[in-house]
PDB file of all heavy atoms in Angstrom:
ATOM      1  N   ALA A   1     -37.167  23.674  14.402  1.00  0.00           N
ATOM      2  CA  ALA A   1     -36.981  23.015  13.111  1.00  0.00           C
ATOM      3  C   ALA A   1     -38.243  23.071  12.254  1.00  0.00           C
ATOM      4  O   ALA A   1     -38.172  22.993  11.032  1.00  0.00           O
ATOM      5  CB  ALA A   1     -36.560  21.565  13.317  1.00  0.00           C
ATOM      6  N   ALA A   2     -39.395  23.243  12.871  1.00  0.00           N
ATOM      7  CA  ALA A   2     -40.665  23.266  12.132  1.00  0.00           C
ATOM      8  C   ALA A   2     -41.160  24.681  11.856  1.00  0.00           C
ATOM      9  O   ALA A   2     -42.220  24.852  11.267  1.00  0.00           O
ATOM     10  CB  ALA A   2     -41.726  22.488  12.899  1.00  0.00           C
ATOM     11  N   HIS A   3     -40.400  25.687  12.274  1.00  0.00           N
ATOM     12  CA  HIS A   3     -40.838  27.061  12.033  1.00  0.00           C
ATOM     13  C   HIS A   3     -41.022  27.286  10.543  1.00  0.00           C
ATOM     14  O   HIS A   3     -40.236  26.828   9.727  1.00  0.00           O
ATOM     15  CB  HIS A   3     -39.816  28.059  12.578  1.00  0.00           C
ATOM     16  CG  HIS A   3     -39.880  28.205  14.056  1.00  0.00           C
ATOM     17  ND1 HIS A   3     -39.151  29.152  14.726  1.00  0.00           N
ATOM     18  CD2 HIS A   3     -40.589  27.546  15.007  1.00  0.00           C
ATOM     19  CE1 HIS A   3     -39.399  29.058  16.016  1.00  0.00           C
ATOM     20  NE2 HIS A   3     -40.264  28.086  16.219  1.00  0.00           N
ATOM     21  N   GLY A   4     -42.080  27.997  10.193  1.00  0.00           N
ATOM     22  CA  GLY A   4     -42.339  28.308   8.789  1.00  0.00           C
ATOM     23  C   GLY A   4     -43.818  28.243   8.490  1.00  0.00           C
ATOM     24  O   GLY A   4     -44.671  28.221   9.380  1.00  0.00           O
ATOM     25  N   GLU A   5     -44.137  28.181   7.194  1.00  0.00           N
ATOM     26  CA  GLU A   5     -45.525  28.210   6.748  1.00  0.00           C
ATOM     27  C   GLU A   5     -46.081  26.809   6.528  1.00  0.00           C
ATOM     28  O   GLU A   5     -45.436  25.966   5.910  1.00  0.00           O
ATOM     29  CB  GLU A   5     -45.608  29.018   5.453  1.00  0.00           C
ATOM     30  CG  GLU A   5     -46.953  29.638   5.249  1.00  0.00           C
ATOM     31  CD  GLU A   5     -46.957  30.644   4.118  1.00  0.00           C
ATOM     32  OE1 GLU A   5     -46.355  31.716   4.274  1.00  0.00           O
ATOM     33  OE2 GLU A   5     -47.573  30.334   3.088  1.00  0.00           O
ATOM     34  N   TRP A   6     -47.309  26.585   7.040  1.00  0.00           N
ATOM     35  CA  TRP A   6     -47.997  25.299   6.949  1.00  0.00           C
ATOM     36  C   TRP A   6     -49.483  25.546   6.724  1.00  0.00           C
ATOM     37  O   TRP A   6     -49.948  26.682   6.849  1.00  0.00           O
ATOM     38  CB  TRP A   6     -47.832  24.509   8.253  1.00  0.00           C
ATOM     39  CG  TRP A   6     -46.419  24.225   8.619  1.00  0.00           C
ATOM     40  CD1 TRP A   6     -45.604  24.995   9.406  1.00  0.00           C
ATOM     41  CD2 TRP A   6     -45.636  23.118   8.211  1.00  0.00           C
ATOM     42  NE1 TRP A   6     -44.370  24.419   9.510  1.00  0.00           N
ATOM     43  CE2 TRP A   6     -44.356  23.254   8.782  1.00  0.00           C
ATOM     44  CE3 TRP A   6     -45.871  21.998   7.423  1.00  0.00           C
ATOM     45  CZ2 TRP A   6     -43.336  22.342   8.595  1.00  0.00           C
ATOM     46  CZ3 TRP A   6     -44.857  21.085   7.231  1.00  0.00           C
ATOM     47  CH2 TRP A   6     -43.605  21.261   7.811  1.00  0.00           C
ATOM     48  N   THR A   7     -50.218  24.493   6.465  1.00  0.00           N
ATOM     49  CA  THR A   7     -51.675  24.548   6.585  1.00  0.00           C
ATOM     50  C   THR A   7     -52.011  23.716   7.815  1.00  0.00           C
ATOM     51  O   THR A   7     -51.191  22.922   8.268  1.00  0.00           O
ATOM     52  CB  THR A   7     -52.400  23.985   5.340  1.00  0.00           C
ATOM     53  OG1 THR A   7     -52.030  22.634   5.159  1.00  0.00           O
ATOM     54  CG2 THR A   7     -52.081  24.795   4.104  1.00  0.00           C
ATOM     55  N   LEU A   8     -53.199  23.902   8.344  1.00  0.00           N
ATOM     56  CA  LEU A   8     -53.510  23.142   9.551  1.00  0.00           C
ATOM     57  C   LEU A   8     -54.859  22.455   9.469  1.00  0.00           C
ATOM     58  O   LEU A   8     -55.701  22.790   8.652  1.00  0.00           O
ATOM     59  CB  LEU A   8     -53.423  24.024  10.797  1.00  0.00           C
ATOM     60  CG  LEU A   8     -54.234  25.309  10.880  1.00  0.00           C
ATOM     61  CD1 LEU A   8     -55.677  25.051  11.212  1.00  0.00           C
ATOM     62  CD2 LEU A   8     -53.628  26.196  11.928  1.00  0.00           C
ATOM     63  N   GLN A   9     -54.998  21.466  10.332  1.00  0.00           N
ATOM     64  CA  GLN A   9     -56.224  20.686  10.495  1.00  0.00           C
ATOM     65  C   GLN A   9     -56.440  20.551  12.006  1.00  0.00           C
ATOM     66  O   GLN A   9     -55.489  20.632  12.773  1.00  0.00           O
ATOM     67  CB  GLN A   9     -56.073  19.276   9.902  1.00  0.00           C
ATOM     68  CG  GLN A   9     -55.746  19.233   8.429  1.00  0.00           C
ATOM     69  CD  GLN A   9     -56.937  19.605   7.578  1.00  0.00           C
ATOM     70  OE1 GLN A   9     -58.078  19.424   7.962  1.00  0.00           O
ATOM     71  NE2 GLN A   9     -56.657  20.149   6.411  1.00  0.00           N
ATOM     72  N   PRO A  10     -57.667  20.319  12.452  1.00  0.00           N
ATOM     73  CA  PRO A  10     -57.858  20.037  13.874  1.00  0.00           C
ATOM     74  C   PRO A  10     -57.088  18.771  14.250  1.00  0.00           C
ATOM     75  O   PRO A  10     -56.978  17.847  13.461  1.00  0.00           O
ATOM     76  CB  PRO A  10     -59.372  19.802  13.996  1.00  0.00           C
ATOM     77  CG  PRO A  10     -59.961  20.457  12.795  1.00  0.00           C
ATOM     78  CD  PRO A  10     -58.930  20.363  11.719  1.00  0.00           C
ATOM     79  N   CYS A  11     -56.533  18.774  15.427  1.00  0.00           N
ATOM     80  CA  CYS A  11     -55.732  17.632  15.882  1.00  0.00           C
ATOM     81  C   CYS A  11     -56.610  16.392  16.048  1.00  0.00           C
ATOM     82  O   CYS A  11     -57.694  16.447  16.624  1.00  0.00           O
ATOM     83  CB  CYS A  11     -55.047  17.965  17.199  1.00  0.00           C
ATOM     84  SG  CYS A  11     -53.898  16.683  17.742  1.00  0.00           S
ATOM     85  N   ALA A  12     -56.096  15.260  15.539  1.00  0.00           N
ATOM     86  CA  ALA A  12     -56.831  13.998  15.636  1.00  0.00           C
ATOM     87  C   ALA A  12     -56.074  12.980  16.480  1.00  0.00           C
ATOM     88  O   ALA A  12     -56.330  11.778  16.383  1.00  0.00           O
ATOM     89  CB  ALA A  12     -57.083  13.439  14.238  1.00  0.00           C
ATOM     90  N   CYS A  13     -55.156  13.465  17.349  1.00  0.00           N
ATOM     91  CA  CYS A  13     -54.436  12.535  18.216  1.00  0.00           C
ATOM     92  C   CYS A  13     -55.427  11.915  19.217  1.00  0.00           C
ATOM     93  O   CYS A  13     -56.554  12.380  19.368  1.00  0.00           O
ATOM     94  CB  CYS A  13     -53.288  13.246  18.928  1.00  0.00           C
ATOM     95  SG  CYS A  13     -53.807  14.395  20.210  1.00  0.00           S
ATOM     96  N   HIS A  14     -54.994  10.880  19.902  1.00  0.00           N
ATOM     97  CA  HIS A  14     -55.888  10.157  20.824  1.00  0.00           C
ATOM     98  C   HIS A  14     -56.486  11.055  21.904  1.00  0.00           C
ATOM     99  O   HIS A  14     -57.712  11.052  22.104  1.00  0.00           O
ATOM    100  CB  HIS A  14     -55.157   8.957  21.434  1.00  0.00           C
ATOM    101  CG  HIS A  14     -56.027   8.138  22.336  1.00  0.00           C
ATOM    102  ND1 HIS A  14     -57.113   7.424  21.882  1.00  0.00           N
ATOM    103  CD2 HIS A  14     -55.995   7.974  23.686  1.00  0.00           C
ATOM    104  CE1 HIS A  14     -57.703   6.840  22.897  1.00  0.00           C
ATOM    105  NE2 HIS A  14     -57.044   7.149  24.013  1.00  0.00           N
ATOM    106  N   PRO A  15     -55.682  11.861  22.641  1.00  0.00           N
ATOM    107  CA  PRO A  15     -56.289  12.709  23.684  1.00  0.00           C
ATOM    108  C   PRO A  15     -57.298  13.728  23.118  1.00  0.00           C
ATOM    109  O   PRO A  15     -58.342  13.964  23.724  1.00  0.00           O
ATOM    110  CB  PRO A  15     -55.092  13.426  24.318  1.00  0.00           C
ATOM    111  CG  PRO A  15     -53.923  12.560  24.008  1.00  0.00           C
ATOM    112  CD  PRO A  15     -54.218  11.920  22.689  1.00  0.00           C
ATOM    113  N   CYS A  16     -56.998  14.305  21.959  1.00  0.00           N
ATOM    114  CA  CYS A  16     -57.916  15.295  21.373  1.00  0.00           C
ATOM    115  C   CYS A  16     -59.210  14.640  20.900  1.00  0.00           C
ATOM    116  O   CYS A  16     -60.295  15.184  21.082  1.00  0.00           O
ATOM    117  CB  CYS A  16     -57.244  16.032  20.218  1.00  0.00           C
ATOM    118  SG  CYS A  16     -55.963  17.179  20.763  1.00  0.00           S
ATOM    119  N   THR A  17     -59.089  13.457  20.294  1.00  0.00           N
ATOM    120  CA  THR A  17     -60.271  12.736  19.841  1.00  0.00           C
ATOM    121  C   THR A  17     -61.142  12.335  21.027  1.00  0.00           C
ATOM    122  O   THR A  17     -62.367  12.488  20.999  1.00  0.00           O
ATOM    123  CB  THR A  17     -59.867  11.494  19.031  1.00  0.00           C
ATOM    124  OG1 THR A  17     -59.055  11.911  17.928  1.00  0.00           O
ATOM    125  CG2 THR A  17     -61.072  10.759  18.501  1.00  0.00           C
ATOM    126  N   ALA A  18     -60.512  11.843  22.101  1.00  0.00           N
ATOM    127  CA  ALA A  18     -61.267  11.451  23.298  1.00  0.00           C
ATOM    128  C   ALA A  18     -61.970  12.662  23.913  1.00  0.00           C
ATOM    129  O   ALA A  18     -63.132  12.579  24.319  1.00  0.00           O
ATOM    130  CB  ALA A  18     -60.333  10.798  24.308  1.00  0.00           C
ATOM    131  N   ALA A  19     -61.276  13.807  23.959  1.00  0.00           N
ATOM    132  CA  ALA A  19     -61.882  15.019  24.523  1.00  0.00           C
ATOM    133  C   ALA A  19     -63.082  15.454  23.684  1.00  0.00           C
ATOM    134  O   ALA A  19     -64.123  15.844  24.232  1.00  0.00           O
ATOM    135  CB  ALA A  19     -60.856  16.138  24.598  1.00  0.00           C
ATOM    136  N   ALA A  20     -62.951  15.363  22.360  1.00  0.00           N
ATOM    137  CA  ALA A  20     -64.062  15.741  21.475  1.00  0.00           C
ATOM    138  C   ALA A  20     -65.266  14.823  21.689  1.00  0.00           C
ATOM    139  O   ALA A  20     -66.410  15.267  21.689  1.00  0.00           O
ATOM    140  CB  ALA A  20     -63.621  15.710  20.021  1.00  0.00           C
ATOM    141  N   LEU A  21     -64.998  13.535  21.899  1.00  0.00           N
ATOM    142  CA  LEU A  21     -66.090  12.591  22.134  1.00  0.00           C
ATOM    143  C   LEU A  21     -66.803  12.872  23.458  1.00  0.00           C
ATOM    144  O   LEU A  21     -67.976  12.550  23.617  1.00  0.00           O
ATOM    145  CB  LEU A  21     -65.576  11.157  22.100  1.00  0.00           C
ATOM    146  CG  LEU A  21     -65.142  10.654  20.720  1.00  0.00           C
ATOM    147  CD1 LEU A  21     -64.483   9.284  20.837  1.00  0.00           C
ATOM    148  CD2 LEU A  21     -66.321  10.607  19.766  1.00  0.00           C
ATOM    149  N   LEU A  22     -66.090  13.458  24.419  1.00  0.00           N
ATOM    150  CA  LEU A  22     -66.686  13.813  25.704  1.00  0.00           C
ATOM    151  C   LEU A  22     -67.368  15.182  25.660  1.00  0.00           C
ATOM    152  O   LEU A  22     -67.891  15.649  26.680  1.00  0.00           O
ATOM    153  CB  LEU A  22     -65.624  13.798  26.801  1.00  0.00           C
ATOM    154  CG  LEU A  22     -65.046  12.422  27.133  1.00  0.00           C
ATOM    155  CD1 LEU A  22     -63.877  12.557  28.107  1.00  0.00           C
ATOM    156  CD2 LEU A  22     -66.134  11.529  27.730  1.00  0.00           C
ATOM    157  N   GLY A  23     -67.319  15.850  24.501  1.00  0.00           N
ATOM    158  CA  GLY A  23     -67.997  17.134  24.358  1.00  0.00           C
ATOM    159  C   GLY A  23     -67.144  18.349  24.605  1.00  0.00           C
ATOM    160  O   GLY A  23     -67.637  19.471  24.612  1.00  0.00           O
ATOM    161  N   HIS A  24     -65.843  18.174  24.827  1.00  0.00           N
ATOM    162  CA  HIS A  24     -64.952  19.313  25.031  1.00  0.00           C
ATOM    163  C   HIS A  24     -64.524  19.871  23.680  1.00  0.00           C
ATOM    164  O   HIS A  24     -64.317  19.114  22.733  1.00  0.00           O
ATOM    165  CB  HIS A  24     -63.707  18.903  25.825  1.00  0.00           C
ATOM    166  CG  HIS A  24     -64.025  18.376  27.182  1.00  0.00           C
ATOM    167  ND1 HIS A  24     -64.458  19.185  28.202  1.00  0.00           N
ATOM    168  CD2 HIS A  24     -63.998  17.111  27.687  1.00  0.00           C
ATOM    169  CE1 HIS A  24     -64.667  18.444  29.285  1.00  0.00           C
ATOM    170  NE2 HIS A  24     -64.402  17.179  28.993  1.00  0.00           N
ATOM    171  N   PRO A  25     -64.362  21.185  23.565  1.00  0.00           N
ATOM    172  CA  PRO A  25     -63.923  21.734  22.281  1.00  0.00           C
ATOM    173  C   PRO A  25     -62.479  21.340  21.991  1.00  0.00           C
ATOM    174  O   PRO A  25     -61.652  21.275  22.901  1.00  0.00           O
ATOM    175  CB  PRO A  25     -64.048  23.250  22.471  1.00  0.00           C
ATOM    176  CG  PRO A  25     -64.018  23.468  23.938  1.00  0.00           C
ATOM    177  CD  PRO A  25     -64.584  22.224  24.571  1.00  0.00           C
TER     178      PRO A  25
END
């Protein structure tokens, strides 16, 4: 249903934010 053209941003969900704070890309 989401197939198509979009723009993107780095994910800011909780697991991604926590991983970034721990130094993971």
